[in-house]
Amino acid sequence: MKELIDFLSTQYNPRFSELLIDANTGSVRGGYKILVNGRDIDFLDKLDTRILDGDGIAFFPLVGGG
């Protein structure tokens, strides 16, 4: 997963990685969720989650409201 994030940062937005990942903890920032095939990576191997060809990856900012 980390390699994908680095690739996306290189190809599209150099700030993508720093906005998504907390440099102090090395974890996904609290305001974001990453899903692989509909499963939260927090319940898989976090940023070490392996992805395969054909896997669906989704990046979501958390939203709230009332």
Protein backbone atom coordinates (compact mmCIF):
# COMPACT_ATOMS: atom_id res chain seq x y z
CA MET A 1 0.00 0.00 0.00
CA LYS A 2 2.79 2.43 0.87
CA GLU A 3 4.30 1.94 -2.60
CA LEU A 4 0.98 2.88 -4.22
CA ILE A 5 0.75 6.04 -2.13
CA ASP A 6 4.31 6.98 -3.07
CA PHE A 7 3.55 6.33 -6.75
CA LEU A 8 0.43 8.50 -6.64
CA SER A 9 2.42 11.25 -4.94
CA THR A 10 5.07 11.11 -7.64
CA GLN A 11 2.63 10.98 -10.55
CA TYR A 12 -0.12 13.35 -9.45
CA ASN A 13 0.54 15.41 -6.34
CA PRO A 14 3.79 15.54 -4.38
CA ARG A 15 1.84 16.45 -1.23
CA PHE A 16 -0.53 13.45 -1.39
CA SER A 17 1.66 11.26 0.82
CA GLU A 18 2.31 13.93 3.44
CA LEU A 19 -1.38 14.83 3.60
CA LEU A 20 -2.43 11.19 4.01
CA ILE A 21 0.32 9.82 6.26
CA ASP A 22 1.43 11.29 9.58
CA ALA A 23 5.24 11.64 9.41
CA ASN A 24 5.59 11.22 13.19
CA THR A 25 3.68 7.95 13.47
CA GLY A 26 3.94 6.54 9.95
CA SER A 27 0.21 5.82 10.06
CA VAL A 28 -2.72 7.09 8.06
CA ARG A 29 -3.90 10.40 9.51
CA GLY A 30 -7.09 10.28 11.58
CA GLY A 31 -9.15 12.15 9.01
CA TYR A 32 -8.75 9.51 6.29
CA LYS A 33 -9.67 5.90 5.59
CA ILE A 34 -8.21 3.58 2.97
CA LEU A 35 -10.18 0.57 1.77
CA VAL A 36 -8.95 -2.42 -0.22
CA ASN A 37 -11.78 -4.36 -1.82
CA GLY A 38 -14.16 -2.68 0.62
CA ARG A 39 -12.13 -3.60 3.71
CA ASP A 40 -10.53 -0.99 5.95
CA ILE A 41 -6.74 -1.42 5.99
CA ASP A 42 -6.85 -0.83 9.77
CA PHE A 43 -8.28 -4.36 9.99
CA LEU A 44 -5.79 -5.80 7.50
CA ASP A 45 -2.06 -5.02 7.67
CA LYS A 46 -2.45 -1.23 7.71
CA LEU A 47 0.03 0.41 5.31
CA ASP A 48 1.75 -2.96 4.84
CA THR A 49 -1.43 -4.38 3.25
CA ARG A 50 -0.52 -6.11 0.00
CA ILE A 51 -2.49 -5.19 -3.07
CA LEU A 52 -2.87 -7.31 -6.18
CA ASP A 53 -3.86 -6.60 -9.77
CA GLY A 54 -7.59 -6.08 -9.88
CA ASP A 55 -7.95 -4.96 -6.25
CA GLY A 56 -10.18 -1.97 -5.69
CA ILE A 57 -8.53 0.80 -3.68
CA ALA A 58 -10.51 3.70 -2.20
CA PHE A 59 -9.22 6.75 -0.32
CA PHE A 60 -11.84 8.54 1.78
CA PRO A 61 -11.70 11.69 3.87
CA LEU A 62 -13.89 11.28 6.94
CA VAL A 63 -16.93 13.51 7.01
CA GLY A 64 -19.34 14.36 9.75
CA GLY A 65 -22.45 16.28 10.22
CA GLY A 66 -25.70 16.35 11.91
